């Protein structure tokens, strides 16, 4: 089925086809559709193995992937026979940490006023698109209208709010 020393595999449907091993799955799908009159069975140990019906029993006896398949079954049986013990997990309560250690959970509890990116974006002159996900056309139209009004309001606040935010020497339009 494969050429020694190369990464090419011969197609079971047409021996004139030599395919790279990494593309062999896709090729098998195409060739099985292109050659519907050729009836090949699939090996239960490796789906890339396609064999004639009269040779399937012989193949099952000598398939190189049979050992790996049997090993997986044996491993699964061993895992099912191992007794499972229950482990009691204690609740992790905040402990006194050294000054050089961080505890983000504890820090978040102490400071409930954390950064909210949605609120921060609502007060800045940025284009938001989060309101457009899975929205109907009318909802998108309404969102764009509200965004336009929000951006105009923010621009008016920046321009009409006085010159305290302006940098001297720059021309603002």
N, C-alpha and C. Protein backbone atom coordinates (compact mmCIF):
# COMPACT_ATOMS: atom_id res chain seq x y z
N UNK A 1 0.81 -1.19 0.00
CA UNK A 1 0.00 0.00 0.00
C UNK A 1 0.86 1.26 0.00
N UNK A 2 2.03 1.24 0.63
CA UNK A 2 2.89 2.42 0.63
C UNK A 2 4.26 2.05 0.07
N UNK A 3 4.92 3.05 -0.49
CA UNK A 3 6.24 2.85 -1.04
C UNK A 3 7.27 3.02 0.07
N UNK A 4 8.22 2.09 0.20
CA UNK A 4 9.23 2.23 1.25
C UNK A 4 10.15 3.41 0.97
N UNK A 5 10.48 4.15 2.02
CA UNK A 5 11.42 5.25 1.91
C UNK A 5 10.79 6.55 1.42
N UNK A 6 9.50 6.56 1.08
CA UNK A 6 8.85 7.79 0.65
C UNK A 6 7.60 8.01 1.49
N UNK A 7 6.98 9.14 1.28
CA UNK A 7 5.76 9.47 2.01
C UNK A 7 4.56 9.34 1.09
N UNK A 8 4.67 8.49 0.06
CA UNK A 8 3.58 8.29 -0.88
C UNK A 8 2.85 6.99 -0.59
N UNK A 9 1.53 7.00 -0.79
CA UNK A 9 0.69 5.84 -0.55
C UNK A 9 -0.06 5.56 -1.85
N UNK A 10 -0.22 4.28 -2.18
CA UNK A 10 -0.94 3.89 -3.40
C UNK A 10 -2.42 3.76 -3.09
N UNK A 11 -3.23 4.30 -3.98
CA UNK A 11 -4.69 4.26 -3.81
C UNK A 11 -5.21 2.85 -4.05
N UNK A 12 -6.10 2.33 -3.20
CA UNK A 12 -6.65 0.99 -3.41
C UNK A 12 -7.68 0.94 -4.55
N UNK A 13 -8.21 2.08 -4.94
CA UNK A 13 -9.20 2.11 -6.02
C UNK A 13 -8.54 2.18 -7.39
N UNK A 14 -7.40 2.85 -7.48
CA UNK A 14 -6.68 2.99 -8.75
C UNK A 14 -5.19 2.99 -8.44
N UNK A 15 -4.48 1.93 -8.84
CA UNK A 15 -3.07 1.78 -8.48
C UNK A 15 -2.19 2.82 -9.16
N UNK A 16 -2.73 3.55 -10.14
CA UNK A 16 -1.96 4.61 -10.79
C UNK A 16 -1.89 5.87 -9.92
N UNK A 17 -2.71 5.91 -8.88
CA UNK A 17 -2.72 7.08 -7.98
C UNK A 17 -1.70 6.88 -6.86
N UNK A 18 -0.74 7.79 -6.77
CA UNK A 18 0.20 7.84 -5.64
C UNK A 18 -0.05 9.15 -4.91
N UNK A 19 -0.40 9.05 -3.64
CA UNK A 19 -0.85 10.21 -2.88
C UNK A 19 0.04 10.41 -1.66
N UNK A 20 0.24 11.67 -1.28
CA UNK A 20 0.98 11.94 -0.05
C UNK A 20 0.16 11.42 1.13
N UNK A 21 0.84 10.88 2.11
CA UNK A 21 0.18 10.26 3.27
C UNK A 21 -0.75 11.24 3.98
N UNK A 22 -0.36 12.49 4.07
CA UNK A 22 -1.18 13.47 4.80
C UNK A 22 -2.47 13.80 4.07
N UNK A 23 -2.55 13.55 2.75
CA UNK A 23 -3.75 13.84 1.97
C UNK A 23 -4.55 12.59 1.63
N UNK A 24 -4.12 11.46 2.17
CA UNK A 24 -4.71 10.18 1.77
C UNK A 24 -6.18 10.06 2.17
N UNK A 25 -6.56 10.57 3.33
CA UNK A 25 -7.96 10.50 3.77
C UNK A 25 -8.90 11.18 2.76
N UNK A 26 -8.52 12.39 2.37
CA UNK A 26 -9.35 13.13 1.40
C UNK A 26 -9.41 12.38 0.07
N UNK A 27 -8.28 11.82 -0.35
CA UNK A 27 -8.25 11.10 -1.61
C UNK A 27 -9.15 9.86 -1.57
N UNK A 28 -9.14 9.15 -0.46
CA UNK A 28 -10.00 7.97 -0.35
C UNK A 28 -11.46 8.34 -0.48
N UNK A 29 -11.86 9.44 0.11
CA UNK A 29 -13.25 9.88 0.02
C UNK A 29 -13.62 10.16 -1.44
N UNK A 30 -12.73 10.86 -2.15
CA UNK A 30 -13.02 11.20 -3.54
C UNK A 30 -13.04 9.97 -4.42
N UNK A 31 -12.05 9.10 -4.25
CA UNK A 31 -11.97 7.90 -5.11
C UNK A 31 -13.13 6.94 -4.83
N UNK A 32 -13.58 6.84 -3.59
CA UNK A 32 -14.71 5.95 -3.30
C UNK A 32 -15.97 6.44 -4.00
N UNK A 33 -16.10 7.76 -4.20
CA UNK A 33 -17.24 8.30 -4.93
C UNK A 33 -17.04 8.17 -6.44
N UNK A 34 -15.79 8.31 -6.90
CA UNK A 34 -15.51 8.23 -8.33
C UNK A 34 -15.55 6.81 -8.87
N UNK A 35 -15.34 5.82 -8.01
CA UNK A 35 -15.35 4.42 -8.42
C UNK A 35 -16.42 3.65 -7.63
N UNK A 36 -17.70 3.93 -7.84
CA UNK A 36 -18.75 3.27 -7.07
C UNK A 36 -18.88 1.78 -7.39
N UNK A 37 -18.39 1.36 -8.54
CA UNK A 37 -18.49 -0.06 -8.92
C UNK A 37 -17.45 -0.92 -8.21
N UNK A 38 -16.42 -0.33 -7.63
CA UNK A 38 -15.42 -1.09 -6.88
C UNK A 38 -15.86 -1.14 -5.43
N UNK A 39 -16.19 -2.34 -4.96
CA UNK A 39 -16.69 -2.52 -3.59
C UNK A 39 -15.54 -2.97 -2.70
N UNK A 40 -15.06 -2.06 -1.86
CA UNK A 40 -13.99 -2.38 -0.91
C UNK A 40 -14.53 -2.22 0.50
N UNK A 41 -14.06 -3.08 1.38
CA UNK A 41 -14.47 -3.00 2.78
C UNK A 41 -13.42 -2.22 3.56
N UNK A 42 -13.86 -1.62 4.66
CA UNK A 42 -12.96 -0.83 5.50
C UNK A 42 -12.49 -1.68 6.67
N UNK A 43 -11.20 -1.63 6.92
CA UNK A 43 -10.60 -2.36 8.05
C UNK A 43 -11.10 -1.75 9.36
N UNK A 44 -11.44 -2.59 10.33
CA UNK A 44 -11.93 -2.05 11.60
C UNK A 44 -10.80 -1.52 12.48
N UNK A 45 -9.55 -1.81 12.13
CA UNK A 45 -8.42 -1.32 12.91
C UNK A 45 -7.89 0.01 12.38
N UNK A 46 -8.07 0.27 11.08
CA UNK A 46 -7.58 1.50 10.47
C UNK A 46 -8.49 1.83 9.29
N UNK A 47 -9.16 2.96 9.36
CA UNK A 47 -10.14 3.31 8.32
C UNK A 47 -9.48 3.65 6.99
N UNK A 48 -8.17 3.82 6.96
CA UNK A 48 -7.48 4.06 5.70
C UNK A 48 -7.24 2.78 4.92
N UNK A 49 -7.42 1.65 5.56
CA UNK A 49 -7.24 0.36 4.88
C UNK A 49 -8.54 -0.02 4.19
N UNK A 50 -8.52 -0.12 2.86
CA UNK A 50 -9.67 -0.56 2.08
C UNK A 50 -9.27 -1.87 1.39
N UNK A 51 -10.05 -2.93 1.63
CA UNK A 51 -9.68 -4.28 1.18
C UNK A 51 -10.87 -4.92 0.47
N UNK A 52 -10.58 -5.79 -0.50
CA UNK A 52 -11.64 -6.54 -1.17
C UNK A 52 -12.30 -7.47 -0.16
N UNK A 53 -13.59 -7.73 -0.37
CA UNK A 53 -14.37 -8.52 0.59
C UNK A 53 -13.79 -9.92 0.80
N UNK A 54 -13.26 -10.53 -0.24
CA UNK A 54 -12.73 -11.88 -0.08
C UNK A 54 -11.39 -11.91 0.68
N UNK A 55 -10.70 -10.77 0.78
CA UNK A 55 -9.41 -10.71 1.46
C UNK A 55 -9.50 -10.10 2.86
N UNK A 56 -10.68 -9.71 3.30
CA UNK A 56 -10.80 -8.98 4.57
C UNK A 56 -10.40 -9.83 5.77
N UNK A 57 -10.76 -11.11 5.79
CA UNK A 57 -10.40 -11.96 6.93
C UNK A 57 -8.89 -12.13 7.04
N UNK A 58 -8.24 -12.35 5.92
CA UNK A 58 -6.78 -12.47 5.91
C UNK A 58 -6.14 -11.17 6.40
N UNK A 59 -6.67 -10.03 5.93
CA UNK A 59 -6.13 -8.74 6.34
C UNK A 59 -6.28 -8.54 7.85
N UNK A 60 -7.43 -8.93 8.40
CA UNK A 60 -7.67 -8.75 9.84
C UNK A 60 -6.65 -9.53 10.68
N UNK A 61 -6.17 -10.62 10.16
CA UNK A 61 -5.19 -11.43 10.89
C UNK A 61 -3.80 -10.79 10.87
N UNK A 62 -3.46 -10.07 9.78
CA UNK A 62 -2.09 -9.56 9.63
C UNK A 62 -2.00 -8.04 9.66
N UNK A 63 -3.10 -7.35 9.93
CA UNK A 63 -3.10 -5.88 9.92
C UNK A 63 -2.10 -5.35 10.95
N UNK A 64 -1.26 -4.39 10.50
CA UNK A 64 -0.24 -3.85 11.41
C UNK A 64 -0.84 -2.96 12.50
N UNK A 65 -2.07 -2.50 12.33
CA UNK A 65 -2.71 -1.66 13.34
C UNK A 65 -3.51 -2.47 14.36
N UNK A 66 -3.56 -3.78 14.20
CA UNK A 66 -4.30 -4.63 15.12
C UNK A 66 -3.69 -4.58 16.53
N UNK A 67 -2.37 -4.56 16.60
CA UNK A 67 -1.69 -4.55 17.90
C UNK A 67 -2.05 -3.28 18.68
N UNK A 68 -2.05 -2.13 18.01
CA UNK A 68 -2.38 -0.87 18.69
C UNK A 68 -3.84 -0.88 19.14
N UNK A 69 -4.72 -1.43 18.30
CA UNK A 69 -6.14 -1.53 18.64
C UNK A 69 -6.34 -2.42 19.86
N UNK A 70 -5.67 -3.58 19.85
CA UNK A 70 -5.79 -4.49 20.99
C UNK A 70 -5.22 -3.87 22.27
N UNK A 71 -4.15 -3.12 22.13
CA UNK A 71 -3.55 -2.47 23.30
C UNK A 71 -4.52 -1.45 23.90
N UNK A 72 -5.23 -0.70 23.04
CA UNK A 72 -6.21 0.28 23.54
C UNK A 72 -7.35 -0.42 24.27
N UNK A 73 -7.81 -1.54 23.73
CA UNK A 73 -8.89 -2.29 24.38
C UNK A 73 -8.42 -2.82 25.73
N UNK A 74 -7.21 -3.36 25.76
CA UNK A 74 -6.65 -3.89 27.01
C UNK A 74 -6.51 -2.78 28.05
N UNK A 75 -6.04 -1.63 27.61
CA UNK A 75 -5.89 -0.48 28.52
C UNK A 75 -7.25 -0.06 29.07
N UNK A 76 -8.26 -0.04 28.22
CA UNK A 76 -9.60 0.34 28.68
C UNK A 76 -10.13 -0.66 29.69
N UNK A 77 -9.89 -1.94 29.45
CA UNK A 77 -10.34 -2.96 30.40
C UNK A 77 -9.63 -2.81 31.74
N UNK A 78 -8.34 -2.50 31.69
CA UNK A 78 -7.58 -2.30 32.93
C UNK A 78 -8.11 -1.10 33.70
N UNK A 79 -8.42 -0.02 32.96
CA UNK A 79 -8.93 1.18 33.61
C UNK A 79 -10.28 0.91 34.28
N UNK A 80 -11.10 0.08 33.67
CA UNK A 80 -12.41 -0.24 34.25
C UNK A 80 -12.28 -1.14 35.47
N UNK A 81 -11.20 -1.91 35.55
CA UNK A 81 -11.04 -2.82 36.68
C UNK A 81 -10.34 -2.18 37.88
N UNK A 82 -9.81 -0.98 37.70
CA UNK A 82 -9.13 -0.29 38.80
C UNK A 82 -10.20 0.32 39.71
N UNK A 83 -10.14 0.03 41.01
CA UNK A 83 -11.13 0.61 41.91
C UNK A 83 -10.93 2.13 42.02
N UNK A 84 -12.02 2.84 42.03
CA UNK A 84 -11.98 4.29 42.11
C UNK A 84 -12.23 4.69 43.55
N UNK A 85 -11.34 5.49 44.08
CA UNK A 85 -11.52 5.96 45.45
C UNK A 85 -11.97 7.41 45.41
N UNK A 86 -12.86 7.76 46.33
CA UNK A 86 -13.34 9.13 46.39
C UNK A 86 -12.34 9.97 47.18
N UNK A 87 -12.12 11.15 46.68
CA UNK A 87 -11.20 12.08 47.30
C UNK A 87 -11.99 13.26 47.82
N UNK A 88 -11.78 13.58 49.07
CA UNK A 88 -12.46 14.73 49.65
C UNK A 88 -11.63 15.98 49.36
N UNK A 89 -12.26 16.95 48.73
CA UNK A 89 -11.57 18.18 48.40
C UNK A 89 -12.04 19.26 49.36
N UNK A 90 -11.09 19.88 50.02
CA UNK A 90 -11.42 20.92 50.97
C UNK A 90 -11.61 22.25 50.25
N UNK A 91 -12.49 23.08 50.82
CA UNK A 91 -12.69 24.40 50.23
C UNK A 91 -11.42 25.22 50.42
N UNK A 92 -11.04 25.92 49.37
CA UNK A 92 -9.86 26.79 49.46
C UNK A 92 -10.30 28.14 50.01
N UNK A 93 -9.99 28.38 51.24
CA UNK A 93 -10.31 29.66 51.86
C UNK A 93 -9.09 30.56 51.72
N UNK A 94 -9.34 31.86 51.60
CA UNK A 94 -8.20 32.77 51.48
C UNK A 94 -7.26 32.62 52.66
N UNK A 95 -6.01 32.50 52.35
CA UNK A 95 -5.00 32.36 53.39
C UNK A 95 -4.20 33.65 53.43
N UNK A 96 -3.48 33.82 54.51
CA UNK A 96 -2.60 34.97 54.59
C UNK A 96 -1.45 34.74 53.63
N UNK A 97 -1.32 35.64 52.68
CA UNK A 97 -0.29 35.51 51.66
C UNK A 97 0.88 36.42 51.99
N UNK A 98 2.01 36.04 51.53
CA UNK A 98 3.18 36.90 51.68
C UNK A 98 2.97 38.15 50.82
N UNK A 99 3.76 39.16 51.08
CA UNK A 99 3.63 40.40 50.31
C UNK A 99 3.96 40.22 48.84
N UNK A 100 4.80 39.24 48.51
CA UNK A 100 5.21 39.06 47.13
C UNK A 100 4.27 38.15 46.33
N UNK A 101 3.25 37.58 46.97
CA UNK A 101 2.30 36.72 46.27
C UNK A 101 1.03 37.48 45.95
N UNK A 102 0.37 37.09 44.86
CA UNK A 102 -0.86 37.72 44.45
C UNK A 102 -2.02 36.75 44.58
N UNK A 103 -3.19 37.27 44.91
CA UNK A 103 -4.40 36.49 44.91
C UNK A 103 -5.46 37.34 44.23
N UNK A 104 -5.68 37.11 42.94
CA UNK A 104 -6.59 37.94 42.16
C UNK A 104 -8.02 37.82 42.65
N UNK A 105 -8.42 36.65 43.13
CA UNK A 105 -9.78 36.49 43.64
C UNK A 105 -10.01 37.35 44.86
N UNK A 106 -9.07 37.32 45.79
CA UNK A 106 -9.16 38.13 47.00
C UNK A 106 -9.10 39.62 46.65
N UNK A 107 -8.27 39.96 45.70
CA UNK A 107 -8.12 41.34 45.28
C UNK A 107 -9.43 41.86 44.66
N UNK A 108 -10.11 41.01 43.90
CA UNK A 108 -11.37 41.40 43.28
C UNK A 108 -12.46 41.59 44.33
N UNK A 109 -12.42 40.79 45.40
CA UNK A 109 -13.41 40.94 46.47
C UNK A 109 -13.19 42.24 47.22
N UNK A 110 -11.94 42.62 47.42
CA UNK A 110 -11.63 43.85 48.14
C UNK A 110 -12.00 45.09 47.32
N UNK A 111 -11.84 45.02 45.99
CA UNK A 111 -12.10 46.16 45.13
C UNK A 111 -13.18 45.78 44.11
N UNK A 112 -14.47 46.00 44.45
CA UNK A 112 -15.54 45.61 43.54
C UNK A 112 -15.63 46.52 42.31
N UNK A 113 -15.01 47.68 42.33
CA UNK A 113 -15.04 48.60 41.21
C UNK A 113 -13.94 48.26 40.21
N UNK A 114 -14.09 47.13 39.57
CA UNK A 114 -13.07 46.71 38.61
C UNK A 114 -13.39 47.29 37.24
N UNK A 115 -12.49 47.14 36.33
CA UNK A 115 -12.61 47.66 34.97
C UNK A 115 -13.68 46.90 34.21
N UNK A 116 -14.59 47.63 33.60
CA UNK A 116 -15.63 47.05 32.77
C UNK A 116 -15.43 47.59 31.35
N UNK A 117 -14.97 46.76 30.41
CA UNK A 117 -14.66 47.26 29.08
C UNK A 117 -15.88 47.81 28.33
N UNK A 118 -17.06 47.26 28.58
CA UNK A 118 -18.27 47.76 27.90
C UNK A 118 -18.59 49.18 28.35
N UNK A 119 -18.50 49.42 29.66
CA UNK A 119 -18.76 50.77 30.18
C UNK A 119 -17.69 51.75 29.70
N UNK A 120 -16.44 51.30 29.68
CA UNK A 120 -15.36 52.17 29.25
C UNK A 120 -15.52 52.56 27.78
N UNK A 121 -15.91 51.61 26.92
CA UNK A 121 -16.08 51.89 25.50
C UNK A 121 -17.28 52.80 25.26
N UNK A 122 -18.30 52.72 26.13
CA UNK A 122 -19.50 53.55 25.97
C UNK A 122 -19.18 55.03 26.16
N UNK A 123 -18.14 55.33 26.91
CA UNK A 123 -17.78 56.72 27.20
C UNK A 123 -16.62 57.23 26.37
N UNK A 124 -16.20 56.47 25.36
CA UNK A 124 -15.07 56.88 24.53
C UNK A 124 -15.52 57.00 23.08
N UNK A 125 -14.74 57.75 22.33
CA UNK A 125 -15.04 57.97 20.92
C UNK A 125 -14.48 56.81 20.09
N UNK A 126 -15.12 55.65 20.24
CA UNK A 126 -14.72 54.45 19.50
C UNK A 126 -15.95 53.85 18.85
N UNK A 127 -15.73 53.08 17.79
CA UNK A 127 -16.84 52.41 17.11
C UNK A 127 -17.06 51.06 17.78
N UNK A 128 -18.27 50.85 18.28
CA UNK A 128 -18.61 49.58 18.93
C UNK A 128 -19.42 48.73 17.96
N UNK A 129 -19.21 47.41 17.99
CA UNK A 129 -19.98 46.51 17.12
C UNK A 129 -20.63 45.39 17.91
N UNK A 130 -20.45 45.36 19.22
CA UNK A 130 -20.97 44.25 20.01
C UNK A 130 -22.49 44.17 19.96
N UNK A 131 -23.17 45.25 19.70
CA UNK A 131 -24.62 45.24 19.63
C UNK A 131 -25.15 44.67 18.32
N UNK A 132 -24.27 44.37 17.37
CA UNK A 132 -24.71 43.89 16.06
C UNK A 132 -24.74 42.38 15.95
N UNK A 133 -24.24 41.67 16.91
CA UNK A 133 -24.18 40.21 16.82
C UNK A 133 -25.59 39.63 16.89
N UNK A 134 -25.93 38.78 15.93
CA UNK A 134 -27.21 38.07 15.88
C UNK A 134 -28.40 39.01 15.95
N UNK A 135 -28.28 40.19 15.38
CA UNK A 135 -29.36 41.16 15.43
C UNK A 135 -30.11 41.15 14.10
N UNK A 136 -31.37 41.50 14.17
CA UNK A 136 -32.18 41.62 12.96
C UNK A 136 -31.81 42.92 12.26
N UNK A 137 -32.19 43.09 10.99
CA UNK A 137 -31.85 44.33 10.30
C UNK A 137 -32.39 45.58 11.00
N UNK A 138 -33.59 45.51 11.55
CA UNK A 138 -34.13 46.68 12.25
C UNK A 138 -33.35 46.97 13.53
N UNK A 139 -32.91 45.93 14.23
CA UNK A 139 -32.11 46.13 15.44
C UNK A 139 -30.75 46.72 15.09
N UNK A 140 -30.16 46.26 13.97
CA UNK A 140 -28.87 46.82 13.54
C UNK A 140 -29.02 48.29 13.17
N UNK A 141 -30.12 48.63 12.50
CA UNK A 141 -30.37 50.01 12.11
C UNK A 141 -30.51 50.89 13.36
N UNK A 142 -31.26 50.40 14.35
CA UNK A 142 -31.44 51.15 15.59
C UNK A 142 -30.10 51.31 16.32
N UNK A 143 -29.30 50.25 16.37
CA UNK A 143 -28.00 50.32 17.04
C UNK A 143 -27.10 51.35 16.36
N UNK A 144 -27.07 51.34 15.02
CA UNK A 144 -26.22 52.30 14.31
C UNK A 144 -26.68 53.74 14.58
N UNK A 145 -28.00 53.93 14.65
CA UNK A 145 -28.54 55.26 14.94
C UNK A 145 -28.12 55.70 16.34
N UNK A 146 -28.25 54.82 17.32
CA UNK A 146 -27.86 55.14 18.69
C UNK A 146 -26.36 55.39 18.79
N UNK A 147 -25.57 54.62 18.05
CA UNK A 147 -24.12 54.82 18.06
C UNK A 147 -23.76 56.17 17.46
N UNK A 148 -24.43 56.55 16.39
CA UNK A 148 -24.17 57.84 15.77
C UNK A 148 -24.48 58.96 16.75
N UNK A 149 -25.61 58.86 17.45
CA UNK A 149 -25.99 59.87 18.44
C UNK A 149 -24.98 59.89 19.59
N UNK A 150 -24.55 58.70 20.05
CA UNK A 150 -23.58 58.62 21.14
C UNK A 150 -22.26 59.28 20.74
N UNK A 151 -21.78 58.98 19.54
CA UNK A 151 -20.51 59.55 19.08
C UNK A 151 -20.61 61.07 18.90
N UNK A 152 -21.76 61.55 18.40
CA UNK A 152 -21.95 63.00 18.26
C UNK A 152 -21.95 63.68 19.63
N UNK A 153 -22.62 63.05 20.61
CA UNK A 153 -22.67 63.60 21.96
C UNK A 153 -21.27 63.66 22.58
N UNK A 154 -20.50 62.61 22.39
CA UNK A 154 -19.13 62.59 22.95
C UNK A 154 -18.27 63.64 22.27
N UNK A 155 -18.43 63.80 20.96
CA UNK A 155 -17.64 64.81 20.24
C UNK A 155 -18.02 66.22 20.67
N UNK A 156 -19.32 66.45 20.91
CA UNK A 156 -19.76 67.76 21.39
C UNK A 156 -19.20 68.05 22.77
N UNK A 157 -19.19 67.03 23.64
CA UNK A 157 -18.64 67.21 24.98
C UNK A 157 -17.16 67.53 24.92
N UNK A 158 -16.45 66.90 24.00
CA UNK A 158 -15.01 67.16 23.88
C UNK A 158 -14.75 68.55 23.31
N UNK A 159 -15.52 68.95 22.30
CA UNK A 159 -15.30 70.25 21.66
C UNK A 159 -15.95 71.39 22.45
N UNK A 160 -17.13 71.17 22.97
CA UNK A 160 -17.87 72.23 23.67
C UNK A 160 -17.53 72.31 25.14
N UNK A 161 -16.79 71.38 25.64
CA UNK A 161 -16.50 71.32 27.06
C UNK A 161 -15.44 72.32 27.48
N UNK A 162 -14.98 73.14 26.58
CA UNK A 162 -13.96 74.12 26.95
C UNK A 162 -12.61 73.70 26.42
N UNK A 163 -11.62 74.46 26.75
CA UNK A 163 -10.28 74.20 26.21
C UNK A 163 -9.39 73.45 27.20
N UNK A 164 -9.97 72.96 28.29
CA UNK A 164 -9.13 72.28 29.27
C UNK A 164 -8.58 70.97 28.71
N UNK A 165 -9.28 70.34 27.74
CA UNK A 165 -8.79 69.09 27.16
C UNK A 165 -7.95 69.34 25.92
N UNK A 166 -7.98 70.58 25.42
CA UNK A 166 -7.25 70.89 24.20
C UNK A 166 -5.79 71.15 24.50
N UNK A 167 -4.95 70.77 23.57
CA UNK A 167 -3.52 71.01 23.69
C UNK A 167 -3.22 72.31 22.96
N UNK A 168 -2.59 73.26 23.63
CA UNK A 168 -2.30 74.55 22.97
C UNK A 168 -1.40 74.36 21.76
N UNK A 169 -1.69 75.10 20.70
CA UNK A 169 -0.85 75.04 19.51
C UNK A 169 -1.38 74.08 18.46
N UNK A 170 -2.36 73.24 18.82
CA UNK A 170 -2.94 72.33 17.82
C UNK A 170 -4.22 72.91 17.27
N UNK A 171 -4.42 72.74 15.98
CA UNK A 171 -5.65 73.24 15.35
C UNK A 171 -6.67 72.12 15.36
N UNK A 172 -7.78 72.34 16.02
CA UNK A 172 -8.85 71.38 16.10
C UNK A 172 -9.93 71.74 15.07
N UNK A 173 -10.46 70.76 14.42
CA UNK A 173 -11.49 71.02 13.42
C UNK A 173 -12.84 70.64 13.98
